[in-house]
């Protein structure tokens, strides 16, 4: 079992997160400690009022919300009743057994786990110090519970890392299949929590993989000026569909301000993932003698990496973004190095396209020349008799002339013929 303890400034925010999970069918309230009401009859207002009645007793305590996650191994087969017993044993062990708390069983990942919502403010207004509680109390309690309930022993940091990086697969949204708010929530929250992005554009590179986009509105709009943010579903053509949902209306509130707080931390997370992605891209290029844009994107997709070209309003490509779903990181091409920038990649695609498309190029040149009044095919045929490669040389010599030059030649010939007459 792995225990994670998070402290916060808002008990309402922690409640909103778990209650939204209940609404979407991804969680269920299985226990309410010291609420004096049965779980089935306990409404959201009662939950909030019970906690806020305590938090108001101590206005000096800024951090008064506790969010605990108890994660069991995938192989542990436990009932809801056993999860309640485990939660009670844990809360008693860390000194919060007499506090009001709620236990939610979540179903959004592949391993059994519960979320516990609690406050550290006691009935007399004093607070329980939870500084360093993870090292001082939680670890010994966790090991005792593993033995008592015959749970699979955790493998320390390795299991914790696995639980953080590998949540249940996030699925692309299809508009109308579920309520819009629920669909957006099911993508945005796990993406924001598990992917390392350092800008709103990088976040959108991930969200678009799941048919969602975060939008600030036009730069001259009130929403943009007030730093607002909404999330919308995209259809199969990449266009917004349905009613956009405000970031502040989603549990855990993934607003612009909160996203920006993550950017510096995510830069550090991305640091060690840059090399492996760069090696993967280089490997794909080296293995393919002729790399077109489509082939390159397809090869990356087979390796669980999405390639997105950023375009201006006129449609011109000005940047490229790689979304590595293996390490859950996002990189602009230029961040990986000059050789991985949009300009370098487009030049590479262009070179391979020219090598593989010479015959169509010759045909198009012939057609263009015919439209300008010159029959290149007949002229080249005369010049090429017995002269080997002269045909190809002459073709590109003719093709290098601009249409305006060819028209001038035609006019001169016409003037010469008139003067002879």
Protein backbone atom coordinates (compact mmCIF):
# COMPACT_ATOMS: atom_id res chain seq x y z
CA UNK A 1 0.00 0.00 0.00
CA UNK A 2 1.16 3.51 -0.82
CA UNK A 3 -0.15 6.47 1.17
CA UNK A 4 -0.05 10.00 -0.21
CA UNK A 5 -0.87 12.97 2.01
CA UNK A 6 -1.69 16.37 0.51
CA UNK A 7 -2.51 19.49 2.50
CA UNK A 8 -4.45 22.45 1.14
CA UNK A 9 -6.03 25.80 1.85
CA UNK A 10 -9.60 24.93 0.87
CA UNK A 11 -11.65 22.06 2.23
CA UNK A 12 -14.35 22.96 -0.27
CA UNK A 13 -11.94 22.40 -3.17
CA UNK A 14 -11.03 18.91 -1.93
CA UNK A 15 -14.72 18.10 -1.48
CA UNK A 16 -15.57 19.39 -4.96
CA UNK A 17 -12.97 17.12 -6.51
CA UNK A 18 -14.36 13.97 -4.89
CA UNK A 19 -18.01 14.95 -5.31
CA UNK A 20 -17.48 15.54 -9.04
CA UNK A 21 -16.03 12.04 -9.25
CA UNK A 22 -19.20 10.76 -7.61
CA UNK A 23 -21.36 12.65 -10.13
CA UNK A 24 -19.46 11.14 -13.07
CA UNK A 25 -19.73 7.63 -11.63
CA UNK A 26 -16.00 7.35 -10.97
CA UNK A 27 -16.29 7.34 -7.17
CA UNK A 28 -18.61 6.47 -4.29
CA UNK A 29 -18.80 7.74 -0.73
CA UNK A 30 -18.43 4.63 1.45
CA UNK A 31 -17.94 6.14 4.92
CA UNK A 32 -18.57 9.33 6.93
CA UNK A 33 -16.82 9.48 10.30
CA UNK A 34 -18.38 11.64 13.07
CA UNK A 35 -21.08 13.20 10.91
CA UNK A 36 -24.06 11.82 12.88
CA UNK A 37 -25.89 11.11 9.61
CA UNK A 38 -26.00 7.97 7.49
CA UNK A 39 -23.95 8.11 4.32
CA UNK A 40 -27.01 7.79 2.07
CA UNK A 41 -28.66 10.83 3.69
CA UNK A 42 -25.58 13.03 3.77
CA UNK A 43 -25.84 15.92 1.30
CA UNK A 44 -23.09 18.21 0.03
CA UNK A 45 -24.31 21.12 2.17
CA UNK A 46 -24.05 19.02 5.33
CA UNK A 47 -20.53 17.94 4.42
CA UNK A 48 -19.32 21.48 3.78
CA UNK A 49 -21.05 22.87 6.89
CA UNK A 50 -19.50 20.19 9.14
CA UNK A 51 -15.96 21.00 8.02
CA UNK A 52 -16.37 24.79 7.83
CA UNK A 53 -17.79 24.89 11.33
CA UNK A 54 -14.38 23.67 12.50
CA UNK A 55 -12.15 25.66 10.14
CA UNK A 56 -13.78 28.93 11.22
CA UNK A 57 -12.64 28.25 14.79
CA UNK A 58 -9.04 28.87 13.78
CA UNK A 59 -8.59 31.69 11.30
CA UNK A 60 -4.81 31.65 11.73
CA UNK A 61 -4.43 28.18 10.26
CA UNK A 62 -4.03 28.73 6.52
CA UNK A 63 -3.60 25.07 5.60
CA UNK A 64 -6.60 23.34 7.13
CA UNK A 65 -7.58 20.76 4.50
CA UNK A 66 -6.20 17.24 4.32
CA UNK A 67 -6.50 14.99 1.25
CA UNK A 68 -5.18 11.45 1.77
CA UNK A 69 -4.95 8.72 -0.89
CA UNK A 70 -4.44 5.08 0.06
CA UNK A 71 -3.37 3.09 -3.00
CA UNK A 72 -3.37 -0.71 -2.95
CA UNK A 73 -1.66 -3.05 -5.37
CA UNK A 74 -3.60 -4.23 -8.44
CA UNK A 75 -3.43 -7.79 -7.16
CA UNK A 76 -5.22 -6.91 -3.90
CA UNK A 77 -8.87 -7.97 -4.08
CA UNK A 78 -10.72 -5.97 -1.45
CA UNK A 79 -14.37 -5.18 -0.82
CA UNK A 80 -15.74 -1.74 0.05
CA UNK A 81 -16.13 -2.88 3.69
CA UNK A 82 -12.48 -3.90 3.86
CA UNK A 83 -11.45 -0.55 2.37
CA UNK A 84 -13.41 1.17 5.15
CA UNK A 85 -11.57 -0.90 7.78
CA UNK A 86 -8.22 -0.02 6.19
CA UNK A 87 -9.11 3.69 6.11
CA UNK A 88 -10.20 3.66 9.77
CA UNK A 89 -7.00 1.86 10.84
CA UNK A 90 -4.89 4.36 8.96
CA UNK A 91 -6.65 7.48 10.33
CA UNK A 92 -6.44 6.10 13.88
CA UNK A 93 -2.77 5.35 13.38
CA UNK A 94 -1.81 8.88 12.27
CA UNK A 95 -3.86 10.56 15.03
CA UNK A 96 -6.93 11.71 13.07
CA UNK A 97 -9.37 9.02 14.25
CA UNK A 98 -11.48 11.49 16.26
CA UNK A 99 -11.74 14.01 13.45
CA UNK A 100 -14.66 14.15 11.02
CA UNK A 101 -13.61 12.65 7.68
CA UNK A 102 -15.12 11.21 4.53
CA UNK A 103 -13.90 8.12 2.67
CA UNK A 104 -14.47 7.87 -1.10
CA UNK A 105 -13.78 4.71 -3.09
CA UNK A 106 -12.52 5.70 -6.57
CA UNK A 107 -12.81 3.62 -9.73
CA UNK A 108 -10.88 5.83 -12.17
CA UNK A 109 -7.62 3.85 -12.16
CA UNK A 110 -6.79 0.17 -12.41
CA UNK A 111 -5.74 -0.40 -8.78
CA UNK A 112 -8.06 -0.25 -5.71
CA UNK A 113 -7.74 2.98 -3.76
CA UNK A 114 -9.62 5.43 -1.53
CA UNK A 115 -9.51 9.20 -1.04
CA UNK A 116 -10.02 10.60 2.44
CA UNK A 117 -11.15 14.20 3.09
CA UNK A 118 -10.40 15.64 6.51
CA UNK A 119 -9.45 18.80 8.43
CA UNK A 120 -6.78 19.26 11.07
CA UNK A 121 -8.81 21.80 13.10
CA UNK A 122 -10.24 20.24 16.25
CA UNK A 123 -13.42 21.08 18.18
CA UNK A 124 -11.58 23.41 20.58
CA UNK A 125 -10.07 25.42 17.71
CA UNK A 126 -6.57 24.00 18.08
CA UNK A 127 -4.92 22.29 15.15
CA UNK A 128 -3.18 18.97 14.63
CA UNK A 129 0.29 19.51 13.26
CA UNK A 130 0.64 17.50 10.07
CA UNK A 131 4.08 18.80 9.14
CA UNK A 132 6.30 15.86 8.13
CA UNK A 133 3.52 13.44 9.10
CA UNK A 134 4.36 11.25 6.11
CA UNK A 135 7.79 10.34 7.48
CA UNK A 136 7.09 10.46 11.20
CA UNK A 137 3.84 8.45 11.36
CA UNK A 138 2.43 7.37 8.00
CA UNK A 139 5.24 5.00 6.98
CA UNK A 140 5.11 2.87 10.13
CA UNK A 141 1.28 2.80 10.08
CA UNK A 142 1.28 1.79 6.42
CA UNK A 143 3.57 -1.19 7.05
CA UNK A 144 1.46 -2.31 10.01
CA UNK A 145 -1.73 -2.20 7.91
CA UNK A 146 -0.11 -4.22 5.13
CA UNK A 147 0.64 -6.99 7.61
CA UNK A 148 -2.70 -6.82 9.41
CA UNK A 149 -4.85 -6.94 6.26
CA UNK A 150 -2.55 -9.25 4.25
CA UNK A 151 -1.97 -6.62 1.56
CA UNK A 152 0.73 -6.78 -1.08
CA UNK A 153 3.76 -4.93 0.35
CA UNK A 154 4.63 -1.81 -1.61
CA UNK A 155 8.03 -1.52 -3.23
CA UNK A 156 8.72 1.97 -1.93
CA UNK A 157 9.26 4.75 -4.42
CA UNK A 158 8.98 2.44 -7.44
CA UNK A 159 5.32 1.66 -6.78
CA UNK A 160 4.56 5.27 -5.90
CA UNK A 161 6.10 6.39 -9.20
CA UNK A 162 4.08 3.78 -11.08
CA UNK A 163 0.84 4.97 -9.48
CA UNK A 164 1.58 8.57 -10.44
CA UNK A 165 2.70 7.98 -14.03
CA UNK A 166 0.36 5.21 -15.11
CA UNK A 167 -3.26 6.15 -14.36
CA UNK A 168 -6.00 4.43 -16.33
CA UNK A 169 -5.85 5.26 -20.03
CA UNK A 170 -7.39 8.61 -20.96
CA UNK A 171 -9.86 8.15 -23.79
CA UNK A 172 -10.66 10.67 -26.55
CA UNK A 173 -13.99 12.44 -26.12
CA UNK A 174 -16.92 11.93 -28.47
CA UNK A 175 -19.45 14.76 -28.27
CA UNK A 176 -22.89 13.67 -27.07
CA UNK A 177 -21.76 10.34 -25.66
CA UNK A 178 -21.64 11.73 -22.10
CA UNK A 179 -22.58 15.09 -20.57
CA UNK A 180 -20.18 17.77 -21.81
CA UNK A 181 -18.91 18.77 -18.36
CA UNK A 182 -18.25 15.15 -17.40
CA UNK A 183 -16.45 14.41 -20.68
CA UNK A 184 -14.21 17.46 -20.34
CA UNK A 185 -13.47 16.73 -16.69
CA UNK A 186 -12.51 13.11 -17.45
CA UNK A 187 -9.76 14.33 -19.79
CA UNK A 188 -8.60 17.68 -18.40
CA UNK A 189 -8.00 16.64 -14.78
CA UNK A 190 -5.85 13.54 -15.45
CA UNK A 191 -3.93 15.38 -18.20
CA UNK A 192 -3.18 18.36 -15.96
CA UNK A 193 -2.08 16.04 -13.17
CA UNK A 194 0.04 13.57 -15.11
CA UNK A 195 1.51 15.44 -18.12
CA UNK A 196 4.45 17.84 -17.95
CA UNK A 197 3.70 20.94 -20.05
CA UNK A 198 5.27 24.39 -19.74
CA UNK A 199 2.78 26.59 -21.59
CA UNK A 200 -0.90 26.71 -22.51
CA UNK A 201 0.05 25.82 -26.09
CA UNK A 202 1.82 22.69 -24.87
CA UNK A 203 -1.18 21.74 -22.74
CA UNK A 204 -3.42 22.12 -25.79
CA UNK A 205 -1.09 19.89 -27.78
CA UNK A 206 -1.98 17.11 -25.31
CA UNK A 207 -5.67 17.97 -24.96
CA UNK A 208 -6.19 17.95 -28.73
CA UNK A 209 -5.09 14.31 -28.74
CA UNK A 210 -8.25 13.66 -26.72
CA UNK A 211 -10.52 16.11 -28.64
CA UNK A 212 -10.44 18.89 -26.03
CA UNK A 213 -9.06 22.44 -26.21
CA UNK A 214 -8.39 25.12 -23.58
CA UNK A 215 -9.33 28.57 -24.87
CA UNK A 216 -8.70 32.09 -23.56
CA UNK A 217 -10.80 33.77 -26.27
CA UNK A 218 -9.70 36.54 -28.64
CA UNK A 219 -7.02 38.91 -27.38
CA UNK A 220 -9.48 41.81 -27.50
CA UNK A 221 -12.14 39.91 -25.54
CA UNK A 222 -13.06 40.60 -21.91
CA UNK A 223 -12.37 36.96 -21.02
CA UNK A 224 -8.79 37.23 -22.30
CA UNK A 225 -8.18 40.52 -20.49
CA UNK A 226 -9.50 39.03 -17.25
CA UNK A 227 -7.35 35.92 -17.73
CA UNK A 228 -10.33 33.64 -18.04
CA UNK A 229 -10.19 30.12 -19.47
CA UNK A 230 -12.78 27.71 -20.87
CA UNK A 231 -12.56 24.13 -22.11
CA UNK A 232 -14.40 22.91 -25.22
CA UNK A 233 -14.92 19.62 -27.02
CA UNK A 234 -13.60 19.32 -30.60
CA UNK A 235 -15.32 17.41 -33.40
CA UNK A 236 -13.51 15.12 -35.86
CA UNK A 237 -12.51 18.18 -37.93
CA UNK A 238 -10.93 19.94 -34.97
CA UNK A 239 -13.73 22.50 -34.60
CA UNK A 240 -15.33 23.43 -31.28
CA UNK A 241 -18.69 21.84 -30.59
CA UNK A 242 -21.14 22.16 -27.71
CA UNK A 243 -21.13 24.55 -24.76
CA UNK A 244 -17.70 25.52 -23.38
CA UNK A 245 -17.12 24.87 -19.67
CA UNK A 246 -15.41 27.43 -17.44
CA UNK A 247 -12.20 26.24 -15.81
CA UNK A 248 -13.47 27.48 -12.46
CA UNK A 249 -16.54 25.22 -12.78
CA UNK A 250 -14.46 22.03 -12.85
CA UNK A 251 -13.29 20.29 -9.70
CA UNK A 252 -9.71 21.20 -8.73
CA UNK A 253 -10.24 24.40 -10.79
CA UNK A 254 -7.66 24.09 -13.66
CA UNK A 255 -7.69 27.88 -14.23
CA UNK A 256 -5.00 29.81 -16.09
CA UNK A 257 -3.46 30.98 -12.82
CA UNK A 258 -3.19 27.43 -11.46
CA UNK A 259 -1.82 26.09 -14.74
CA UNK A 260 0.86 28.78 -14.82
CA UNK A 261 1.96 27.76 -11.32
CA UNK A 262 2.77 24.32 -12.75
CA UNK A 263 4.94 25.54 -15.64
CA UNK A 264 8.24 25.98 -13.72
CA UNK A 265 7.84 22.63 -11.94
CA UNK A 266 7.00 20.87 -15.19
CA UNK A 267 10.15 22.23 -16.83
CA UNK A 268 12.17 20.31 -14.26
CA UNK A 269 10.12 17.14 -14.86
CA UNK A 270 10.75 17.38 -18.61
CA UNK A 271 14.50 17.71 -18.27
CA UNK A 272 15.32 13.99 -18.11
CA UNK A 273 12.84 13.05 -20.85
CA UNK A 274 14.38 15.19 -23.60
CA UNK A 275 17.20 12.79 -24.51
CA UNK A 276 15.08 9.63 -24.99
CA UNK A 277 12.60 11.47 -27.24
CA UNK A 278 15.41 12.98 -29.30
CA UNK A 279 16.96 9.51 -29.74
CA UNK A 280 13.60 8.09 -30.84
CA UNK A 281 13.11 10.78 -33.48
CA UNK A 282 16.66 10.31 -34.80
CA UNK A 283 16.15 6.54 -34.98
CA UNK A 284 12.99 6.93 -37.09
CA UNK A 285 14.74 9.30 -39.49
CA UNK A 286 17.77 6.99 -39.84
CA UNK A 287 15.62 3.93 -40.50
CA UNK A 288 13.68 5.56 -43.35
CA UNK A 289 15.56 6.54 -46.50
CA UNK A 290 12.69 8.70 -47.73
CA UNK A 291 10.79 10.41 -44.90
CA UNK A 292 7.63 12.23 -45.91
CA UNK A 293 5.66 14.23 -43.37
CA UNK A 294 2.91 11.60 -43.32
CA UNK A 295 5.35 8.70 -42.93
CA UNK A 296 7.21 10.50 -40.16
CA UNK A 297 4.00 11.22 -38.21
CA UNK A 298 2.82 7.64 -38.67
CA UNK A 299 6.09 6.17 -37.39
CA UNK A 300 5.96 8.42 -34.33
CA UNK A 301 2.34 7.50 -33.68
CA UNK A 302 3.31 3.83 -33.70
CA UNK A 303 5.77 4.68 -30.91
CA UNK A 304 3.03 6.47 -28.90
CA UNK A 305 4.23 9.98 -29.81
CA UNK A 306 1.96 12.58 -31.45
CA UNK A 307 3.33 15.13 -33.93
CA UNK A 308 1.54 18.48 -34.25
CA UNK A 309 2.51 21.30 -36.62
CA UNK A 310 1.56 24.77 -35.42
CA UNK A 311 0.13 27.01 -38.12
CA UNK A 312 -0.54 30.73 -38.47
CA UNK A 313 -3.98 32.07 -39.41
CA UNK A 314 -2.87 32.00 -43.06
CA UNK A 315 -2.06 28.29 -42.73
CA UNK A 316 1.73 28.63 -42.76
CA UNK A 317 3.64 26.22 -40.51
CA UNK A 318 5.78 28.05 -37.97
CA UNK A 319 6.42 25.43 -35.29
CA UNK A 320 6.20 21.77 -34.32
CA UNK A 321 5.27 20.05 -31.04
CA UNK A 322 5.93 16.49 -29.91
CA UNK A 323 3.62 14.87 -27.33
CA UNK A 324 5.33 11.85 -25.82
CA UNK A 325 2.62 9.73 -24.21
CA UNK A 326 5.25 7.28 -22.94
CA UNK A 327 6.81 9.78 -20.53
CA UNK A 328 3.80 12.14 -20.54
CA UNK A 329 5.87 15.11 -21.61
CA UNK A 330 5.46 17.83 -24.26
CA UNK A 331 8.29 19.43 -26.23
CA UNK A 332 8.51 22.04 -28.95
CA UNK A 333 10.86 20.89 -31.70
CA UNK A 334 13.27 23.75 -31.09
CA UNK A 335 13.52 22.72 -27.40
CA UNK A 336 15.01 19.40 -28.52
CA UNK A 337 17.57 21.08 -30.77
CA UNK A 338 17.91 22.93 -34.05
CA UNK A 339 17.78 19.69 -36.05
CA UNK A 340 14.30 18.94 -34.64
CA UNK A 341 12.72 22.34 -35.34
CA UNK A 342 9.85 22.78 -37.78
CA UNK A 343 12.14 24.45 -40.32
CA UNK A 344 14.67 21.60 -40.27
CA UNK A 345 11.98 18.92 -40.53
CA UNK A 346 10.17 20.67 -43.40
CA UNK A 347 13.44 21.02 -45.30
CA UNK A 348 14.04 17.29 -44.83
CA UNK A 349 10.54 16.43 -46.05
CA UNK A 350 10.98 18.76 -49.03
CA UNK A 351 14.26 17.13 -50.08
CA UNK A 352 12.76 13.65 -50.01
CA UNK A 353 9.66 14.84 -51.88
CA UNK A 354 11.81 16.26 -54.71
CA UNK A 355 13.76 13.00 -54.96
CA UNK A 356 10.62 10.91 -55.23
CA UNK A 357 8.54 13.25 -57.43
CA UNK A 358 10.77 14.10 -60.45
CA UNK A 359 8.50 12.55 -63.10
CA UNK A 360 5.38 14.54 -62.02
CA UNK A 361 7.57 17.65 -61.85
CA UNK A 362 8.68 17.15 -65.47
CA UNK A 363 5.10 16.69 -66.63
CA UNK A 364 3.94 19.83 -64.86
CA UNK A 365 6.78 21.84 -66.43
CA UNK A 366 5.85 20.56 -69.90
CA UNK A 367 2.21 21.49 -69.38
CA UNK A 368 3.11 24.96 -68.11
CA UNK A 369 5.39 25.57 -71.09
CA UNK A 370 2.69 24.50 -73.54
CA UNK A 371 0.33 27.05 -71.99
CA UNK A 372 2.93 29.75 -72.66
CA UNK A 373 3.07 28.97 -76.36
CA UNK A 374 6.14 26.72 -76.49
CA UNK A 375 6.12 23.03 -77.26
CA UNK A 376 9.01 21.80 -75.13
CA UNK A 377 8.42 18.14 -75.98
CA UNK A 378 8.94 18.68 -79.70
CA UNK A 379 11.96 20.95 -79.22
CA UNK A 380 13.60 18.55 -76.78
CA UNK A 381 12.97 15.65 -79.07
CA UNK A 382 14.89 17.37 -81.84
CA UNK A 383 17.74 18.39 -79.56
CA UNK A 384 18.03 15.03 -77.83
CA UNK A 385 18.52 12.81 -80.89
CA UNK A 386 21.82 11.00 -80.31
CA UNK A 387 22.84 13.28 -77.45
CA UNK A 388 22.09 11.13 -74.39
CA UNK A 389 21.49 13.25 -71.29
CA UNK A 390 20.91 16.46 -73.23
CA UNK A 391 17.17 15.87 -72.90
CA UNK A 392 17.22 16.16 -69.09
CA UNK A 393 19.69 19.06 -69.12
CA UNK A 394 17.64 21.02 -71.62
CA UNK A 395 14.43 20.33 -69.71
CA UNK A 396 15.72 21.89 -66.49
CA UNK A 397 17.30 24.72 -68.44
CA UNK A 398 13.90 25.56 -69.90
CA UNK A 399 12.18 25.03 -66.55
CA UNK A 400 14.44 27.54 -64.82
CA UNK A 401 13.06 30.37 -66.96
CA UNK A 402 10.24 32.39 -65.41
CA UNK A 403 6.91 32.52 -67.30
CA UNK A 404 7.35 36.27 -67.87
CA UNK A 405 10.67 35.61 -69.66
CA UNK A 406 9.08 33.01 -71.89
CA UNK A 407 6.28 35.42 -72.84
CA UNK A 408 8.84 38.08 -73.79
CA UNK A 409 10.63 35.61 -76.07
CA UNK A 410 7.35 34.82 -77.73
CA UNK A 411 6.63 38.53 -78.30
CA UNK A 412 10.08 39.13 -79.82
CA UNK A 413 9.56 36.27 -82.27
CA UNK A 414 6.20 37.73 -83.24
CA UNK A 415 7.75 41.19 -83.83
CA UNK A 416 10.53 39.65 -85.94
CA UNK A 417 8.04 37.84 -88.15
CA UNK A 418 6.06 41.05 -88.69
CA UNK A 419 9.19 42.98 -89.68
CA UNK A 420 10.08 40.32 -92.24
CA UNK A 421 6.63 40.71 -93.74
